[in-house]
Amino acid sequence: MSVIDDPRLEAEFESVLVSGEARTLGEIAAAAGVESWDRMYYFRVPVLMSELNRMMQTPGVTWRNLPGSDAEGLIVFLSEGEVVRAVADREPPLYLSGFATSDSSVTADSLAGIPRLAVESMGR
């Protein structure tokens, strides 16, 4: 699985931070053209390939172009346990513990004065 940059997805997340208005993750993903997914995971970088596969139960997936210090994190969309899109998160940084679904709320937040987006967790 190749990790890509996705300016449309980043712009949709950014719109929540700029407007201050909460949206669902499903609305954001749809507006960015991410289709047919049921879970989204977020990982701070750097992250090991083995850690990604362990956390998402995706044994055998080979990851290419994993982001390093040039990114805030890694956004991964799954559909029925299969990776459908992997995106380097440049900004704004997201906060998510566990996984999110299309019903998860995305709200503007901050940590120590640094703006970020909080994504509602729906499980581990």
C-alpha atoms as a PDB file:
ATOM      1  CA  MET A   1       0.000   0.000   0.000  1.00  0.00           C
ATOM      2  CA  SER A   2       1.431   3.356  -1.051  1.00  0.00           C
ATOM      3  CA  VAL A   3       0.903   6.330   1.240  1.00  0.00           C
ATOM      4  CA  ILE A   4      -0.140   9.383  -0.763  1.00  0.00           C
ATOM      5  CA  ASP A   5      -0.632  13.103  -0.250  1.00  0.00           C
ATOM      6  CA  ASP A   6      -4.300  14.053  -0.563  1.00  0.00           C
ATOM      7  CA  PRO A   7      -4.798  17.836  -0.716  1.00  0.00           C
ATOM      8  CA  ARG A   8      -8.599  17.454  -0.999  1.00  0.00           C
ATOM      9  CA  LEU A   9      -8.816  15.486   2.254  1.00  0.00           C
ATOM     10  CA  GLU A  10      -6.459  17.910   4.013  1.00  0.00           C
ATOM     11  CA  ALA A  11      -8.577  20.870   2.799  1.00  0.00           C
ATOM     12  CA  GLU A  12     -11.774  19.273   4.113  1.00  0.00           C
ATOM     13  CA  PHE A  13     -10.191  18.742   7.546  1.00  0.00           C
ATOM     14  CA  GLU A  14      -8.802  22.294   7.452  1.00  0.00           C
ATOM     15  CA  SER A  15     -12.309  23.672   6.820  1.00  0.00           C
ATOM     16  CA  VAL A  16     -13.417  22.376  10.232  1.00  0.00           C
ATOM     17  CA  LEU A  17     -10.506  24.119  11.931  1.00  0.00           C
ATOM     18  CA  VAL A  18     -11.125  27.400  10.077  1.00  0.00           C
ATOM     19  CA  SER A  19     -14.912  27.468  10.506  1.00  0.00           C
ATOM     20  CA  GLY A  20     -14.991  26.020  14.012  1.00  0.00           C
ATOM     21  CA  GLU A  21     -18.079  24.049  12.967  1.00  0.00           C
ATOM     22  CA  ALA A  22     -18.132  20.313  13.671  1.00  0.00           C
ATOM     23  CA  ARG A  23     -18.714  17.881  10.799  1.00  0.00           C
ATOM     24  CA  THR A  24     -18.931  14.123  10.634  1.00  0.00           C
ATOM     25  CA  LEU A  25     -15.990  12.155   9.327  1.00  0.00           C
ATOM     26  CA  GLY A  26     -18.341  10.719   6.704  1.00  0.00           C
ATOM     27  CA  GLU A  27     -19.100  14.217   5.372  1.00  0.00           C
ATOM     28  CA  ILE A  28     -15.401  15.072   5.217  1.00  0.00           C
ATOM     29  CA  ALA A  29     -14.432  11.813   3.518  1.00  0.00           C
ATOM     30  CA  ALA A  30     -17.257  12.041   0.966  1.00  0.00           C
ATOM     31  CA  ALA A  31     -16.361  15.629   0.064  1.00  0.00           C
ATOM     32  CA  ALA A  32     -12.751  14.491  -0.462  1.00  0.00           C
ATOM     33  CA  GLY A  33     -13.778  11.554  -2.656  1.00  0.00           C
ATOM     34  CA  VAL A  34     -12.983   8.779  -0.167  1.00  0.00           C
ATOM     35  CA  GLU A  35     -15.554   6.079  -0.853  1.00  0.00           C
ATOM     36  CA  SER A  36     -16.403   2.614   0.481  1.00  0.00           C
ATOM     37  CA  TRP A  37     -14.773   2.626   3.901  1.00  0.00           C
ATOM     38  CA  ASP A  38     -15.947   1.649   7.367  1.00  0.00           C
ATOM     39  CA  ARG A  39     -13.074   2.594   9.691  1.00  0.00           C
ATOM     40  CA  MET A  40     -10.395   5.267   9.830  1.00  0.00           C
ATOM     41  CA  TYR A  41      -7.237   5.016  11.921  1.00  0.00           C
ATOM     42  CA  TYR A  42      -4.728   7.742  12.697  1.00  0.00           C
ATOM     43  CA  PHE A  43      -1.097   7.181  13.640  1.00  0.00           C
ATOM     44  CA  ARG A  44       1.521   9.649  14.818  1.00  0.00           C
ATOM     45  CA  VAL A  45       4.746   9.326  12.843  1.00  0.00           C
ATOM     46  CA  PRO A  46       7.256   7.861  12.654  1.00  0.00           C
ATOM     47  CA  VAL A  47       5.509   4.489  12.875  1.00  0.00           C
ATOM     48  CA  LEU A  48       6.725   0.995  12.062  1.00  0.00           C
ATOM     49  CA  MET A  49       5.080  -1.125   9.379  1.00  0.00           C
ATOM     50  CA  SER A  50       4.697  -3.955  11.905  1.00  0.00           C
ATOM     51  CA  GLU A  51       2.893  -1.620  14.332  1.00  0.00           C
ATOM     52  CA  LEU A  52       0.440  -0.501  11.628  1.00  0.00           C
ATOM     53  CA  ASN A  53      -0.385  -4.079  10.690  1.00  0.00           C
ATOM     54  CA  ARG A  54      -0.742  -5.154  14.326  1.00  0.00           C
ATOM     55  CA  MET A  55      -3.051  -2.278  15.296  1.00  0.00           C
ATOM     56  CA  MET A  56      -5.319  -2.632  12.252  1.00  0.00           C
ATOM     57  CA  GLN A  57      -5.064  -6.428  11.974  1.00  0.00           C
ATOM     58  CA  THR A  58      -3.753  -6.204   8.414  1.00  0.00           C
ATOM     59  CA  PRO A  59      -0.997  -8.851   8.405  1.00  0.00           C
ATOM     60  CA  GLY A  60       1.087  -8.976   5.273  1.00  0.00           C
ATOM     61  CA  VAL A  61       0.387  -5.438   4.053  1.00  0.00           C
ATOM     62  CA  THR A  62       3.593  -3.880   2.748  1.00  0.00           C
ATOM     63  CA  TRP A  63       3.673  -0.114   3.268  1.00  0.00           C
ATOM     64  CA  ARG A  64       5.482   2.216   0.866  1.00  0.00           C
ATOM     65  CA  ASN A  65       6.236   5.917   1.301  1.00  0.00           C
ATOM     66  CA  LEU A  66       5.513   5.998   5.049  1.00  0.00           C
ATOM     67  CA  PRO A  67       5.771   9.628   6.177  1.00  0.00           C
ATOM     68  CA  GLY A  68       8.503  10.715   8.540  1.00  0.00           C
ATOM     69  CA  SER A  69       9.246  13.996  10.261  1.00  0.00           C
ATOM     70  CA  ASP A  70       7.823  15.869   7.256  1.00  0.00           C
ATOM     71  CA  ALA A  71       4.273  14.974   8.377  1.00  0.00           C
ATOM     72  CA  GLU A  72       2.093  15.053  11.492  1.00  0.00           C
ATOM     73  CA  GLY A  73       0.715  11.563  11.047  1.00  0.00           C
ATOM     74  CA  LEU A  74      -0.764   8.851   8.863  1.00  0.00           C
ATOM     75  CA  ILE A  75      -4.487   8.539   8.055  1.00  0.00           C
ATOM     76  CA  VAL A  76      -5.660   5.067   6.993  1.00  0.00           C
ATOM     77  CA  PHE A  77      -9.134   4.176   5.708  1.00  0.00           C
ATOM     78  CA  LEU A  78     -10.242   0.522   5.801  1.00  0.00           C
ATOM     79  CA  SER A  79     -13.173  -1.337   4.311  1.00  0.00           C
ATOM     80  CA  GLU A  80     -13.945  -4.722   5.863  1.00  0.00           C
ATOM     81  CA  GLY A  81     -10.349  -5.040   7.064  1.00  0.00           C
ATOM     82  CA  GLU A  82      -8.754  -4.042   3.735  1.00  0.00           C
ATOM     83  CA  VAL A  83      -6.792  -0.811   3.348  1.00  0.00           C
ATOM     84  CA  VAL A  84      -8.493   1.422   0.765  1.00  0.00           C
ATOM     85  CA  ARG A  85      -6.527   4.661   1.214  1.00  0.00           C
ATOM     86  CA  ALA A  86      -3.486   5.776   3.195  1.00  0.00           C
ATOM     87  CA  VAL A  87      -2.708   9.492   3.417  1.00  0.00           C
ATOM     88  CA  ALA A  88       0.179  11.448   4.919  1.00  0.00           C
ATOM     89  CA  ASP A  89      -1.328  14.025   7.295  1.00  0.00           C
ATOM     90  CA  ARG A  90       0.580  17.264   6.831  1.00  0.00           C
ATOM     91  CA  GLU A  91      -1.736  19.685   8.642  1.00  0.00           C
ATOM     92  CA  PRO A  92      -3.818  20.282  10.586  1.00  0.00           C
ATOM     93  CA  PRO A  93      -2.823  17.504  12.964  1.00  0.00           C
ATOM     94  CA  LEU A  94      -5.564  15.123  14.033  1.00  0.00           C
ATOM     95  CA  TYR A  95      -6.161  13.473  17.378  1.00  0.00           C
ATOM     96  CA  LEU A  96      -7.803  10.058  17.415  1.00  0.00           C
ATOM     97  CA  SER A  97      -7.384   7.198  19.854  1.00  0.00           C
ATOM     98  CA  GLY A  98      -8.573   3.926  18.350  1.00  0.00           C
ATOM     99  CA  PHE A  99     -10.669   4.080  15.199  1.00  0.00           C
ATOM    100  CA  ALA A 100     -13.354   6.369  13.824  1.00  0.00           C
ATOM    101  CA  THR A 101     -16.386   5.685  11.613  1.00  0.00           C
ATOM    102  CA  SER A 102     -18.440   7.841   9.261  1.00  0.00           C
ATOM    103  CA  ASP A 103     -20.599   8.906  12.236  1.00  0.00           C
ATOM    104  CA  SER A 104     -17.590  10.183  14.243  1.00  0.00           C
ATOM    105  CA  SER A 105     -17.645  13.917  14.900  1.00  0.00           C
ATOM    106  CA  VAL A 106     -14.659  16.030  13.876  1.00  0.00           C
ATOM    107  CA  THR A 107     -14.223  19.192  15.957  1.00  0.00           C
ATOM    108  CA  ALA A 108     -11.692  21.988  16.290  1.00  0.00           C
ATOM    109  CA  ASP A 109      -9.450  21.551  19.331  1.00  0.00           C
ATOM    110  CA  SER A 110      -6.042  22.631  20.595  1.00  0.00           C
ATOM    111  CA  LEU A 111      -3.252  21.191  22.674  1.00  0.00           C
ATOM    112  CA  ALA A 112      -0.930  23.594  24.475  1.00  0.00           C
ATOM    113  CA  GLY A 113      -2.173  26.362  22.180  1.00  0.00           C
ATOM    114  CA  ILE A 114      -1.501  24.395  18.986  1.00  0.00           C
ATOM    115  CA  PRO A 115      -4.614  23.989  16.821  1.00  0.00           C
ATOM    116  CA  ARG A 116      -5.639  20.448  15.934  1.00  0.00           C
ATOM    117  CA  LEU A 117      -8.738  18.432  15.124  1.00  0.00           C
ATOM    118  CA  ALA A 118     -10.311  15.951  17.505  1.00  0.00           C
ATOM    119  CA  VAL A 119     -11.904  12.927  15.840  1.00  0.00           C
ATOM    120  CA  GLU A 120     -14.402  10.992  17.958  1.00  0.00           C
ATOM    121  CA  SER A 121     -13.279   7.427  18.646  1.00  0.00           C
ATOM    122  CA  MET A 122     -15.755   4.593  18.102  1.00  0.00           C
ATOM    123  CA  GLY A 123     -13.599   1.799  19.497  1.00  0.00           C
ATOM    124  CA  ARG A 124     -10.159   0.254  19.658  1.00  0.00           C
END
